[in-house]
C-alpha atoms as a PDB file:
ATOM      1  CA  MET A   1     106.545 261.898 -32.322  1.00  0.00           C
ATOM      2  CA  LYS A   2     107.936 265.000 -31.007  1.00  0.00           C
ATOM      3  CA  ALA A   3     106.022 267.254 -28.600  1.00  0.00           C
ATOM      4  CA  VAL A   4     105.159 270.880 -29.697  1.00  0.00           C
ATOM      5  CA  ARG A   5     105.749 273.695 -27.300  1.00  0.00           C
ATOM      6  CA  MET A   6     102.898 276.276 -27.992  1.00  0.00           C
ATOM      7  CA  SER A   7     103.723 280.141 -27.550  1.00  0.00           C
ATOM      8  CA  ASP A   8     101.474 282.174 -25.060  1.00  0.00           C
ATOM      9  CA  GLU A   9     100.701 283.883 -28.052  1.00  0.00           C
ATOM     10  CA  LEU A  10      99.536 280.787 -30.308  1.00  0.00           C
ATOM     11  CA  PHE A  11      97.687 279.313 -27.173  1.00  0.00           C
ATOM     12  CA  ARG A  12      95.840 282.919 -26.717  1.00  0.00           C
ATOM     13  CA  LYS A  13      95.257 282.794 -30.406  1.00  0.00           C
ATOM     14  CA  ARG A  14      93.917 279.680 -30.153  1.00  0.00           C
ATOM     15  CA  ALA A  15      91.715 279.988 -27.060  1.00  0.00           C
ATOM     16  CA  ALA A  16      90.240 282.870 -29.070  1.00  0.00           C
ATOM     17  CA  GLU A  17      89.302 280.833 -31.641  1.00  0.00           C
ATOM     18  CA  GLU A  18      87.461 278.646 -29.702  1.00  0.00           C
ATOM     19  CA  ASN A  19      85.767 281.583 -28.220  1.00  0.00           C
ATOM     20  CA  GLY A  20      85.903 280.373 -24.458  1.00  0.00           C
ATOM     21  CA  CYS A  21      84.158 276.926 -25.083  1.00  0.00           C
ATOM     22  CA  MET A  22      84.736 274.224 -22.945  1.00  0.00           C
ATOM     23  CA  ILE A  23      87.534 271.780 -23.615  1.00  0.00           C
ATOM     24  CA  SER A  24      87.332 268.666 -21.890  1.00  0.00           C
ATOM     25  CA  ALA A  25      88.980 264.921 -22.286  1.00  0.00           C
ATOM     26  CA  ILE A  26      86.296 263.090 -21.484  1.00  0.00           C
ATOM     27  CA  GLY A  27      84.876 262.836 -24.786  1.00  0.00           C
ATOM     28  CA  LEU A  28      82.539 265.541 -24.896  1.00  0.00           C
ATOM     29  CA  GLN A  29      82.932 268.123 -27.871  1.00  0.00           C
ATOM     30  CA  PRO A  30      82.397 271.819 -26.620  1.00  0.00           C
ATOM     31  CA  LEU A  31      79.647 273.664 -28.549  1.00  0.00           C
ATOM     32  CA  HIS A  32      80.843 276.510 -30.451  1.00  0.00           C
ATOM     33  CA  THR A  33      77.800 279.180 -29.360  1.00  0.00           C
ATOM     34  CA  LYS A  34      78.187 282.727 -27.669  1.00  0.00           C
ATOM     35  CA  GLN A  35      77.280 283.258 -24.568  1.00  0.00           C
ATOM     36  CA  GLY A  36      73.445 282.936 -23.695  1.00  0.00           C
ATOM     37  CA  GLU A  37      72.593 281.918 -27.530  1.00  0.00           C
ATOM     38  CA  ALA A  38      70.962 278.461 -27.567  1.00  0.00           C
ATOM     39  CA  SER A  39      72.071 275.347 -28.560  1.00  0.00           C
ATOM     40  CA  HIS A  40      70.433 274.040 -31.506  1.00  0.00           C
ATOM     41  CA  GLN A  41      72.439 270.854 -30.950  1.00  0.00           C
ATOM     42  CA  ALA A  42      71.367 269.991 -27.832  1.00  0.00           C
ATOM     43  CA  GLY A  43      67.480 270.073 -28.665  1.00  0.00           C
ATOM     44  CA  GLU A  44      65.019 271.756 -26.369  1.00  0.00           C
ATOM     45  CA  PRO A  45      63.140 268.567 -25.021  1.00  0.00           C
ATOM     46  CA  VAL A  46      67.048 267.376 -23.735  1.00  0.00           C
ATOM     47  CA  ARG A  47      67.241 270.599 -22.241  1.00  0.00           C
ATOM     48  CA  PHE A  48      63.642 270.673 -20.718  1.00  0.00           C
ATOM     49  CA  ALA A  49      65.077 267.521 -19.354  1.00  0.00           C
ATOM     50  CA  PHE A  50      67.961 269.204 -17.847  1.00  0.00           C
ATOM     51  CA  SER A  51      65.900 271.846 -16.013  1.00  0.00           C
ATOM     52  CA  THR A  52      62.901 269.447 -14.929  1.00  0.00           C
ATOM     53  CA  LEU A  53      65.956 267.189 -13.265  1.00  0.00           C
ATOM     54  CA  ILE A  54      67.290 269.893 -11.368  1.00  0.00           C
ATOM     55  CA  CYS A  55      64.196 271.340 -10.106  1.00  0.00           C
ATOM     56  CA  TYR A  56      62.824 267.527  -9.067  1.00  0.00           C
ATOM     57  CA  ARG A  57      66.132 266.657  -7.501  1.00  0.00           C
ATOM     58  CA  ARG A  58      65.677 269.684  -5.700  1.00  0.00           C
ATOM     59  CA  ARG A  59      62.407 268.778  -4.571  1.00  0.00           C
ATOM     60  CA  ALA A  60      63.299 265.440  -3.641  1.00  0.00           C
ATOM     61  CA  LEU A  61      65.945 266.374  -1.424  1.00  0.00           C
ATOM     62  CA  ARG A  62      63.480 268.943   0.182  1.00  0.00           C
ATOM     63  CA  LEU A  63      65.555 271.719  -0.840  1.00  0.00           C
ATOM     64  CA  THR A  64      64.138 275.079  -1.242  1.00  0.00           C
ATOM     65  CA  MET A  65      65.501 277.405  -4.351  1.00  0.00           C
ATOM     66  CA  GLU A  66      67.529 279.778  -1.970  1.00  0.00           C
ATOM     67  CA  ASP A  67      68.604 276.326   0.013  1.00  0.00           C
ATOM     68  CA  LEU A  68      69.821 274.717  -3.226  1.00  0.00           C
ATOM     69  CA  ALA A  69      71.664 277.786  -4.479  1.00  0.00           C
ATOM     70  CA  GLN A  70      73.432 278.993  -1.074  1.00  0.00           C
ATOM     71  CA  GLN A  71      74.483 275.559  -0.498  1.00  0.00           C
ATOM     72  CA  ALA A  72      75.796 274.888  -4.128  1.00  0.00           C
ATOM     73  CA  LYS A  73      77.256 278.134  -4.357  1.00  0.00           C
ATOM     74  CA  VAL A  74      75.283 279.784  -7.325  1.00  0.00           C
ATOM     75  CA  GLU A  75      73.608 282.511  -7.677  1.00  0.00           C
ATOM     76  CA  LEU A  76      69.553 282.414  -7.063  1.00  0.00           C
ATOM     77  CA  ASP A  77      68.625 284.347 -10.134  1.00  0.00           C
ATOM     78  CA  GLU A  78      70.260 281.788 -12.176  1.00  0.00           C
ATOM     79  CA  LEU A  79      68.892 278.398 -10.326  1.00  0.00           C
ATOM     80  CA  LEU A  80      65.715 280.314 -11.351  1.00  0.00           C
ATOM     81  CA  GLN A  81      66.544 280.564 -14.612  1.00  0.00           C
ATOM     82  CA  ILE A  82      67.672 277.097 -14.947  1.00  0.00           C
ATOM     83  CA  GLU A  83      64.054 275.749 -13.427  1.00  0.00           C
ATOM     84  CA  GLU A  84      61.968 278.019 -14.918  1.00  0.00           C
ATOM     85  CA  ASP A  85      63.414 278.603 -18.736  1.00  0.00           C
ATOM     86  CA  ALA A  86      64.478 275.391 -20.693  1.00  0.00           C
ATOM     87  CA  THR A  87      65.947 277.640 -23.085  1.00  0.00           C
ATOM     88  CA  TYR A  88      68.557 279.102 -20.924  1.00  0.00           C
ATOM     89  CA  VAL A  89      72.176 277.452 -21.230  1.00  0.00           C
ATOM     90  CA  PRO A  90      74.189 277.874 -17.793  1.00  0.00           C
ATOM     91  CA  GLU A  91      77.575 278.402 -17.097  1.00  0.00           C
ATOM     92  CA  PRO A  92      79.542 275.238 -17.063  1.00  0.00           C
ATOM     93  CA  ARG A  93      80.350 276.217 -13.866  1.00  0.00           C
ATOM     94  CA  THR A  94      76.924 276.390 -12.789  1.00  0.00           C
ATOM     95  CA  VAL A  95      76.368 272.952 -13.738  1.00  0.00           C
ATOM     96  CA  HIS A  96      79.531 271.781 -12.148  1.00  0.00           C
ATOM     97  CA  GLN A  97      78.594 273.258  -8.673  1.00  0.00           C
ATOM     98  CA  LEU A  98      74.982 271.788  -9.095  1.00  0.00           C
ATOM     99  CA  ALA A  99      75.903 268.429 -10.116  1.00  0.00           C
ATOM    100  CA  SER A 100      78.221 267.877  -7.299  1.00  0.00           C
ATOM    101  CA  HIS A 101      75.740 269.113  -4.570  1.00  0.00           C
ATOM    102  CA  LEU A 102      73.058 267.172  -6.579  1.00  0.00           C
ATOM    103  CA  LYS A 103      75.118 263.805  -6.658  1.00  0.00           C
ATOM    104  CA  LEU A 104      74.551 264.184 -10.622  1.00  0.00           C
ATOM    105  CA  PRO A 105      77.276 262.761 -13.326  1.00  0.00           C
ATOM    106  CA  ILE A 106      78.998 266.225 -14.147  1.00  0.00           C
ATOM    107  CA  PRO A 107      79.471 265.258 -17.776  1.00  0.00           C
ATOM    108  CA  GLN A 108      75.969 264.153 -18.569  1.00  0.00           C
ATOM    109  CA  LEU A 109      74.799 267.532 -17.213  1.00  0.00           C
ATOM    110  CA  LEU A 110      76.922 269.240 -18.899  1.00  0.00           C
ATOM    111  CA  VAL A 111      75.176 267.429 -22.190  1.00  0.00           C
ATOM    112  CA  LEU A 112      71.419 268.245 -20.517  1.00  0.00           C
ATOM    113  CA  SER A 113      72.527 271.758 -20.105  1.00  0.00           C
ATOM    114  CA  GLY A 114      73.786 272.241 -23.636  1.00  0.00           C
ATOM    115  CA  ASN A 115      76.951 273.257 -22.757  1.00  0.00           C
ATOM    116  CA  ALA A 116      78.648 269.897 -24.578  1.00  0.00           C
ATOM    117  CA  THR A 117      77.818 267.510 -27.047  1.00  0.00           C
ATOM    118  CA  SER A 118      77.723 263.804 -27.148  1.00  0.00           C
ATOM    119  CA  ALA A 119      77.555 261.087 -29.150  1.00  0.00           C
ATOM    120  CA  ASN A 120      75.532 258.975 -26.763  1.00  0.00           C
ATOM    121  CA  ALA A 121      72.114 258.721 -28.505  1.00  0.00           C
ATOM    122  CA  GLU A 122      70.718 256.651 -25.537  1.00  0.00           C
ATOM    123  CA  LEU A 123      71.371 259.677 -23.168  1.00  0.00           C
ATOM    124  CA  THR A 124      69.520 261.991 -25.410  1.00  0.00           C
ATOM    125  CA  GLU A 125      66.327 259.539 -26.064  1.00  0.00           C
ATOM    126  CA  ALA A 126      65.998 258.749 -21.987  1.00  0.00           C
ATOM    127  CA  ALA A 127      66.346 262.921 -21.582  1.00  0.00           C
ATOM    128  CA  VAL A 128      63.482 263.013 -24.664  1.00  0.00           C
ATOM    129  CA  ARG A 129      61.439 260.289 -22.789  1.00  0.00           C
ATOM    130  CA  PHE A 130      61.972 261.969 -19.316  1.00  0.00           C
ATOM    131  CA  ALA A 131      60.965 265.560 -20.329  1.00  0.00           C
ATOM    132  CA  ALA A 132      57.889 263.619 -21.834  1.00  0.00           C
ATOM    133  CA  ARG A 133      56.532 261.624 -19.176  1.00  0.00           C
ATOM    134  CA  SER A 134      57.528 264.355 -16.576  1.00  0.00           C
ATOM    135  CA  ARG A 135      54.720 266.501 -17.679  1.00  0.00           C
ATOM    136  CA  ALA A 136      51.498 266.064 -16.051  1.00  0.00           C
ATOM    137  CA  VAL A 137      48.490 265.125 -17.786  1.00  0.00           C
ATOM    138  CA  GLU A 138      45.471 267.079 -16.969  1.00  0.00           C
ATOM    139  CA  LYS A 139      42.337 267.458 -17.953  1.00  0.00           C
ATOM    140  CA  LEU A 140      41.595 270.455 -19.994  1.00  0.00           C
ATOM    141  CA  ASN A 141      39.159 272.933 -18.796  1.00  0.00           C
ATOM    142  CA  ARG A 142      35.912 274.013 -20.896  1.00  0.00           C
ATOM    143  CA  GLU A 143      37.272 276.762 -22.670  1.00  0.00           C
ATOM    144  CA  GLN A 144      40.521 275.090 -23.214  1.00  0.00           C
ATOM    145  CA  ASN A 145      38.812 272.057 -24.666  1.00  0.00           C
ATOM    146  CA  GLU A 146      36.976 274.652 -26.575  1.00  0.00           C
ATOM    147  CA  ALA A 147      39.826 276.650 -28.069  1.00  0.00           C
ATOM    148  CA  LEU A 148      41.341 273.600 -28.645  1.00  0.00           C
ATOM    149  CA  ASN A 149      38.762 272.398 -31.379  1.00  0.00           C
ATOM    150  CA  GLU A 150      38.209 275.943 -32.533  1.00  0.00           C
ATOM    151  CA  PHE A 151      42.037 275.974 -33.576  1.00  0.00           C
ATOM    152  CA  VAL A 152      41.835 272.234 -34.808  1.00  0.00           C
ATOM    153  CA  LYS A 153      39.228 273.249 -36.993  1.00  0.00           C
ATOM    154  CA  VAL A 154      40.495 276.180 -38.803  1.00  0.00           C
ATOM    155  CA  LEU A 155      43.780 273.736 -39.310  1.00  0.00           C
ATOM    156  CA  VAL A 156      41.863 271.004 -40.760  1.00  0.00           C
ATOM    157  CA  GLU A 157      39.717 273.772 -43.425  1.00  0.00           C
ATOM    158  CA  GLN A 158      43.271 275.635 -43.655  1.00  0.00           C
ATOM    159  CA  LYS A 159      44.434 274.747 -47.293  1.00  0.00           C
ATOM    160  CA  VAL A 160      48.123 275.053 -47.242  1.00  0.00           C
ATOM    161  CA  LYS A 161      49.802 276.762 -49.595  1.00  0.00           C
ATOM    162  CA  SER A 162      53.494 275.329 -51.007  1.00  0.00           C
ATOM    163  CA  LYS A 163      56.370 277.692 -51.661  1.00  0.00           C
ATOM    164  CA  LYS A 164      57.358 277.051 -55.406  1.00  0.00           C
ATOM    165  CA  LYS A 165      60.826 277.905 -56.522  1.00  0.00           C
END
């Protein structure tokens, strides 16, 4: 098999077609989303698991957000966004820096963060279980309970209109 040599022009064209996505030799497929666009492939629960994992790991290591940001060489506002906004997809470099500093596997964190996809259903299932289990079980106060009961009552009483095509 003869190796094909790519010209600089062809290489730039192909890179532009990839929209700046990460290319990996470890079996992860790059996501074809624009910067700042949330990936629907990674899924909200998986990204929630990522943000919770970063927060819990930071706290387990007794690091403040400022300490982690400084030590991992990431922007503090981006770390805050990672921990507080499960729809935020951080830069691959940021994920790499955090994974290295927190001693977590980089490829898996790239998937959880929404930067790559994986056919590994076990990872996705574990992330969803972690996300579900990480939510605290808190008793509803009186106002919350009343609001819930009122809303459920409306849901039960409403008739759903279906669209006919």
